[in-house]
N, C-alpha and C. Protein backbone atom coordinates (compact mmCIF):
# COMPACT_ATOMS: atom_id res chain seq x y z
N MET A 1 14.19 29.30 2.20
CA MET A 1 13.79 27.98 2.67
C MET A 1 14.83 26.96 2.21
N ALA A 2 15.31 26.18 3.12
CA ALA A 2 16.32 25.17 2.80
C ALA A 2 15.67 23.98 2.10
N ARG A 3 16.36 23.48 1.10
CA ARG A 3 15.84 22.34 0.34
C ARG A 3 16.86 21.21 0.40
N VAL A 4 16.34 19.99 0.56
CA VAL A 4 17.17 18.79 0.53
C VAL A 4 16.56 17.87 -0.52
N LEU A 5 17.33 17.58 -1.57
CA LEU A 5 16.86 16.73 -2.67
C LEU A 5 15.56 17.26 -3.29
N GLY A 6 15.40 18.57 -3.31
CA GLY A 6 14.23 19.18 -3.93
C GLY A 6 12.99 19.23 -3.04
N ILE A 7 13.07 18.74 -1.83
CA ILE A 7 11.94 18.81 -0.91
C ILE A 7 12.36 19.59 0.33
N GLY A 8 11.41 19.97 1.14
CA GLY A 8 11.71 20.72 2.35
C GLY A 8 12.45 19.89 3.38
N THR A 9 13.07 20.57 4.30
CA THR A 9 13.85 19.90 5.33
C THR A 9 12.97 19.04 6.23
N GLY A 10 11.80 19.55 6.57
CA GLY A 10 10.90 18.80 7.45
C GLY A 10 10.43 17.50 6.84
N LEU A 11 10.05 17.54 5.56
CA LEU A 11 9.62 16.32 4.88
C LEU A 11 10.77 15.33 4.75
N PHE A 12 11.97 15.84 4.51
CA PHE A 12 13.14 14.97 4.44
C PHE A 12 13.39 14.29 5.78
N LEU A 13 13.25 15.04 6.89
CA LEU A 13 13.43 14.45 8.21
C LEU A 13 12.37 13.39 8.50
N LEU A 14 11.13 13.64 8.08
CA LEU A 14 10.08 12.64 8.27
C LEU A 14 10.36 11.38 7.46
N ALA A 15 10.86 11.53 6.24
CA ALA A 15 11.19 10.36 5.42
C ALA A 15 12.34 9.56 6.04
N VAL A 16 13.37 10.25 6.53
CA VAL A 16 14.49 9.57 7.18
C VAL A 16 14.01 8.85 8.44
N LEU A 17 13.13 9.51 9.20
CA LEU A 17 12.57 8.90 10.40
C LEU A 17 11.78 7.63 10.06
N LEU A 18 10.99 7.68 9.00
CA LEU A 18 10.21 6.52 8.58
C LEU A 18 11.11 5.36 8.16
N VAL A 19 12.12 5.64 7.36
CA VAL A 19 13.03 4.59 6.89
C VAL A 19 13.81 4.00 8.07
N LEU A 20 14.29 4.84 8.96
CA LEU A 20 15.03 4.36 10.12
C LEU A 20 14.14 3.52 11.03
N THR A 21 12.89 3.95 11.21
CA THR A 21 11.96 3.20 12.04
C THR A 21 11.66 1.83 11.43
N LEU A 22 11.42 1.79 10.13
CA LEU A 22 11.16 0.50 9.48
C LEU A 22 12.36 -0.43 9.61
N PHE A 23 13.56 0.10 9.40
CA PHE A 23 14.77 -0.72 9.51
C PHE A 23 14.93 -1.27 10.93
N LEU A 24 14.80 -0.40 11.93
CA LEU A 24 14.96 -0.84 13.31
C LEU A 24 13.86 -1.80 13.72
N CYS A 25 12.65 -1.56 13.24
CA CYS A 25 11.53 -2.45 13.59
C CYS A 25 11.77 -3.86 13.03
N VAL A 26 12.22 -3.94 11.79
CA VAL A 26 12.51 -5.24 11.19
C VAL A 26 13.70 -5.90 11.90
N ALA A 27 14.73 -5.11 12.22
CA ALA A 27 15.91 -5.66 12.88
C ALA A 27 15.57 -6.21 14.26
N PHE A 28 14.78 -5.46 15.04
CA PHE A 28 14.44 -5.92 16.38
C PHE A 28 13.42 -7.04 16.36
N THR A 29 12.57 -7.09 15.35
CA THR A 29 11.60 -8.18 15.27
C THR A 29 12.29 -9.51 14.98
N LYS A 30 13.39 -9.47 14.24
CA LYS A 30 14.14 -10.70 13.93
C LYS A 30 15.04 -11.12 15.08
N ALA A 31 15.23 -10.26 16.05
CA ALA A 31 16.10 -10.59 17.18
C ALA A 31 15.40 -11.59 18.09
N GLY A 32 16.16 -12.19 18.95
CA GLY A 32 15.59 -13.19 19.85
C GLY A 32 15.42 -12.66 21.25
N GLY A 33 14.60 -13.35 22.01
CA GLY A 33 14.41 -13.02 23.43
C GLY A 33 13.57 -11.78 23.63
N ALA A 34 13.89 -11.07 24.71
CA ALA A 34 13.12 -9.89 25.09
C ALA A 34 13.43 -8.71 24.19
N LEU A 35 14.44 -8.82 23.36
CA LEU A 35 14.79 -7.72 22.47
C LEU A 35 13.72 -7.50 21.40
N LYS A 36 12.87 -8.50 21.17
CA LYS A 36 11.78 -8.34 20.20
C LYS A 36 10.82 -7.23 20.60
N ASN A 37 10.66 -7.02 21.90
CA ASN A 37 9.71 -6.03 22.39
C ASN A 37 10.17 -4.60 22.16
N VAL A 38 11.43 -4.42 21.82
CA VAL A 38 11.95 -3.07 21.57
C VAL A 38 11.33 -2.50 20.30
N ALA A 39 10.86 -3.34 19.39
CA ALA A 39 10.24 -2.87 18.15
C ALA A 39 9.02 -2.01 18.44
N VAL A 40 8.25 -2.37 19.45
CA VAL A 40 7.08 -1.57 19.82
C VAL A 40 7.52 -0.21 20.33
N ALA A 41 8.57 -0.17 21.12
CA ALA A 41 9.07 1.10 21.65
C ALA A 41 9.62 1.98 20.53
N VAL A 42 10.28 1.36 19.55
CA VAL A 42 10.82 2.12 18.42
C VAL A 42 9.69 2.78 17.65
N VAL A 43 8.62 2.04 17.39
CA VAL A 43 7.48 2.59 16.67
C VAL A 43 6.83 3.71 17.48
N ALA A 44 6.68 3.51 18.78
CA ALA A 44 6.05 4.53 19.63
C ALA A 44 6.88 5.81 19.65
N VAL A 45 8.19 5.69 19.78
CA VAL A 45 9.05 6.87 19.79
C VAL A 45 9.01 7.58 18.44
N ALA A 46 9.00 6.82 17.36
CA ALA A 46 8.94 7.42 16.02
C ALA A 46 7.63 8.16 15.81
N VAL A 47 6.54 7.60 16.30
CA VAL A 47 5.24 8.28 16.16
C VAL A 47 5.24 9.57 16.96
N ILE A 48 5.78 9.54 18.17
CA ILE A 48 5.83 10.76 18.99
C ILE A 48 6.67 11.83 18.31
N ILE A 49 7.83 11.46 17.78
CA ILE A 49 8.69 12.43 17.10
C ILE A 49 8.00 12.97 15.85
N ALA A 50 7.35 12.11 15.08
CA ALA A 50 6.66 12.55 13.87
C ALA A 50 5.51 13.50 14.20
N VAL A 51 4.76 13.19 15.24
CA VAL A 51 3.66 14.07 15.64
C VAL A 51 4.19 15.44 16.06
N ILE A 52 5.29 15.45 16.78
CA ILE A 52 5.89 16.73 17.18
C ILE A 52 6.37 17.50 15.96
N LEU A 53 7.02 16.82 15.01
CA LEU A 53 7.50 17.50 13.81
C LEU A 53 6.36 18.04 12.95
N ILE A 54 5.24 17.32 12.91
CA ILE A 54 4.12 17.76 12.09
C ILE A 54 3.32 18.86 12.79
N ALA A 55 3.10 18.69 14.08
CA ALA A 55 2.24 19.63 14.80
C ALA A 55 2.94 20.95 15.12
N LEU A 56 4.23 20.92 15.31
CA LEU A 56 4.95 22.14 15.70
C LEU A 56 6.02 22.48 14.66
N PRO A 57 5.61 22.95 13.49
CA PRO A 57 6.62 23.28 12.48
C PRO A 57 7.41 24.52 12.89
N ARG A 58 8.67 24.53 12.58
CA ARG A 58 9.51 25.69 12.89
C ARG A 58 9.50 26.64 11.72
N GLN A 59 9.18 27.86 12.02
CA GLN A 59 9.22 28.90 11.01
C GLN A 59 10.06 30.04 11.55
N PRO A 60 10.70 30.78 10.68
CA PRO A 60 11.51 31.89 11.18
C PRO A 60 10.62 32.92 11.87
N GLU A 61 11.03 33.31 13.07
CA GLU A 61 10.26 34.29 13.80
C GLU A 61 10.78 35.68 13.43
N THR A 62 9.87 36.54 12.99
CA THR A 62 10.24 37.90 12.62
C THR A 62 9.38 38.86 13.42
N ALA A 63 9.85 40.05 13.54
CA ALA A 63 9.09 41.08 14.24
C ALA A 63 7.89 41.47 13.39
N ALA A 64 6.81 41.87 14.03
CA ALA A 64 5.59 42.27 13.32
C ALA A 64 5.86 43.56 12.55
N ASP A 65 5.60 43.51 11.24
CA ASP A 65 5.81 44.68 10.38
C ASP A 65 4.49 45.43 10.21
N GLU A 66 4.41 46.59 10.76
CA GLU A 66 3.26 47.48 10.66
C GLU A 66 1.97 46.85 11.17
N GLY A 67 1.96 45.66 11.64
CA GLY A 67 0.77 45.02 12.20
C GLY A 67 -0.34 44.78 11.19
N VAL A 68 -0.09 44.92 9.89
CA VAL A 68 -1.13 44.74 8.87
C VAL A 68 -1.04 43.36 8.23
N THR A 69 0.10 42.75 8.27
CA THR A 69 0.32 41.47 7.61
C THR A 69 -0.45 40.37 8.34
N VAL A 70 -1.26 39.65 7.58
CA VAL A 70 -2.01 38.52 8.13
C VAL A 70 -1.40 37.25 7.56
N ILE A 71 -0.93 36.38 8.45
CA ILE A 71 -0.30 35.13 8.02
C ILE A 71 -1.29 34.00 8.27
N THR A 72 -1.57 33.25 7.23
CA THR A 72 -2.45 32.09 7.36
C THR A 72 -1.65 30.84 7.06
N ASP A 73 -2.07 29.76 7.66
CA ASP A 73 -1.41 28.48 7.45
C ASP A 73 -2.26 27.67 6.49
N ASP A 74 -1.80 27.54 5.25
CA ASP A 74 -2.55 26.80 4.24
C ASP A 74 -2.31 25.30 4.32
N MET A 75 -1.38 24.89 5.16
CA MET A 75 -1.05 23.46 5.23
C MET A 75 -1.71 22.76 6.41
N VAL A 76 -2.71 23.36 7.02
CA VAL A 76 -3.35 22.74 8.18
C VAL A 76 -4.06 21.45 7.78
N ILE A 77 -4.84 21.50 6.73
CA ILE A 77 -5.61 20.31 6.33
C ILE A 77 -4.68 19.17 5.87
N PRO A 78 -3.68 19.42 5.02
CA PRO A 78 -2.77 18.31 4.69
C PRO A 78 -2.05 17.73 5.89
N ARG A 79 -1.68 18.57 6.87
CA ARG A 79 -1.03 18.05 8.08
C ARG A 79 -1.97 17.17 8.87
N ILE A 80 -3.22 17.60 9.00
CA ILE A 80 -4.19 16.80 9.75
C ILE A 80 -4.46 15.48 9.03
N VAL A 81 -4.56 15.51 7.71
CA VAL A 81 -4.78 14.27 6.95
C VAL A 81 -3.59 13.34 7.11
N LEU A 82 -2.37 13.87 7.02
CA LEU A 82 -1.17 13.05 7.19
C LEU A 82 -1.10 12.47 8.60
N LEU A 83 -1.40 13.29 9.59
CA LEU A 83 -1.40 12.82 10.97
C LEU A 83 -2.45 11.74 11.19
N THR A 84 -3.63 11.91 10.59
CA THR A 84 -4.69 10.91 10.71
C THR A 84 -4.26 9.58 10.11
N PHE A 85 -3.69 9.61 8.91
CA PHE A 85 -3.23 8.37 8.29
C PHE A 85 -2.11 7.72 9.10
N MET A 86 -1.21 8.51 9.65
CA MET A 86 -0.14 7.95 10.47
C MET A 86 -0.69 7.26 11.71
N VAL A 87 -1.66 7.88 12.36
CA VAL A 87 -2.25 7.28 13.56
C VAL A 87 -2.99 6.00 13.21
N ILE A 88 -3.78 6.04 12.13
CA ILE A 88 -4.55 4.86 11.72
C ILE A 88 -3.62 3.69 11.40
N PHE A 89 -2.59 3.94 10.58
CA PHE A 89 -1.70 2.85 10.19
C PHE A 89 -0.83 2.38 11.35
N THR A 90 -0.50 3.26 12.28
CA THR A 90 0.23 2.82 13.47
C THR A 90 -0.62 1.90 14.32
N LEU A 91 -1.89 2.27 14.51
CA LEU A 91 -2.79 1.41 15.28
C LEU A 91 -3.01 0.07 14.59
N VAL A 92 -3.14 0.08 13.27
CA VAL A 92 -3.31 -1.17 12.52
C VAL A 92 -2.05 -2.03 12.65
N ALA A 93 -0.87 -1.40 12.54
CA ALA A 93 0.38 -2.16 12.67
C ALA A 93 0.54 -2.75 14.07
N LEU A 94 0.19 -1.98 15.09
CA LEU A 94 0.28 -2.52 16.44
C LEU A 94 -0.73 -3.63 16.67
N ALA A 95 -1.93 -3.51 16.08
CA ALA A 95 -2.92 -4.58 16.19
C ALA A 95 -2.42 -5.86 15.51
N PHE A 96 -1.82 -5.72 14.33
CA PHE A 96 -1.25 -6.89 13.65
C PHE A 96 -0.10 -7.49 14.45
N LEU A 97 0.70 -6.64 15.07
CA LEU A 97 1.80 -7.14 15.89
C LEU A 97 1.26 -7.97 17.05
N VAL A 98 0.22 -7.48 17.69
CA VAL A 98 -0.36 -8.22 18.81
C VAL A 98 -0.99 -9.51 18.32
N VAL A 99 -1.78 -9.45 17.25
CA VAL A 99 -2.51 -10.63 16.78
C VAL A 99 -1.57 -11.70 16.24
N PHE A 100 -0.60 -11.32 15.43
CA PHE A 100 0.22 -12.31 14.76
C PHE A 100 1.52 -12.64 15.49
N HIS A 101 1.86 -11.87 16.51
CA HIS A 101 3.13 -12.14 17.19
C HIS A 101 2.92 -12.54 18.65
N TYR A 102 2.17 -11.75 19.39
CA TYR A 102 2.05 -11.99 20.82
C TYR A 102 0.99 -13.02 21.18
N VAL A 103 -0.10 -13.10 20.44
CA VAL A 103 -1.16 -14.06 20.78
C VAL A 103 -1.27 -15.13 19.69
N GLU A 104 -0.16 -15.53 19.17
CA GLU A 104 -0.14 -16.58 18.15
C GLU A 104 -0.58 -17.89 18.78
N PRO A 105 -1.51 -18.58 18.15
CA PRO A 105 -2.01 -19.81 18.77
C PRO A 105 -0.98 -20.93 18.77
N ILE A 106 -1.02 -21.71 19.82
CA ILE A 106 -0.16 -22.89 19.92
C ILE A 106 -1.08 -24.10 19.84
N TYR A 107 -0.94 -24.86 18.80
CA TYR A 107 -1.83 -25.99 18.57
C TYR A 107 -1.32 -27.23 19.31
N ALA A 108 -2.25 -27.97 19.88
CA ALA A 108 -1.90 -29.21 20.58
C ALA A 108 -1.59 -30.30 19.57
N LYS A 109 -0.69 -31.17 19.94
CA LYS A 109 -0.37 -32.31 19.07
C LYS A 109 -1.49 -33.33 19.20
N PRO A 110 -1.88 -33.94 18.12
CA PRO A 110 -2.96 -34.94 18.20
C PRO A 110 -2.53 -36.18 19.01
N ILE A 111 -3.47 -36.71 19.75
CA ILE A 111 -3.22 -37.91 20.52
C ILE A 111 -3.46 -39.11 19.62
N ARG A 112 -2.50 -40.02 19.60
CA ARG A 112 -2.65 -41.20 18.73
C ARG A 112 -3.47 -42.26 19.50
N THR A 113 -4.53 -42.67 18.89
CA THR A 113 -5.38 -43.73 19.50
C THR A 113 -5.40 -44.91 18.55
N ARG A 114 -5.63 -46.10 19.13
CA ARG A 114 -5.66 -47.30 18.31
C ARG A 114 -7.05 -47.75 18.08
């Protein structure tokens, strides 16, 4: 099993994806004009890539040896928990983006009366 900085390759890729997504999201949010909307697309693409990386892990394919070996996946529950938290926090982040960015209230100036 390949290790990067003491952790698995898949977890390292997820961490790089998260950091890159946060950087791009902040960079595009500070941009002007229609480029601000690219932040939503960046988050959506990152979520899709992360879900694919979590749901379809790559393992070395070997031929069946004597047909007696039973392989179980002990990481199903941690993957589901991680995926659940990612979905929840993505939905919360998108809700905050809509509430605080797209539907920000515009207050009327008070009318001066004598």
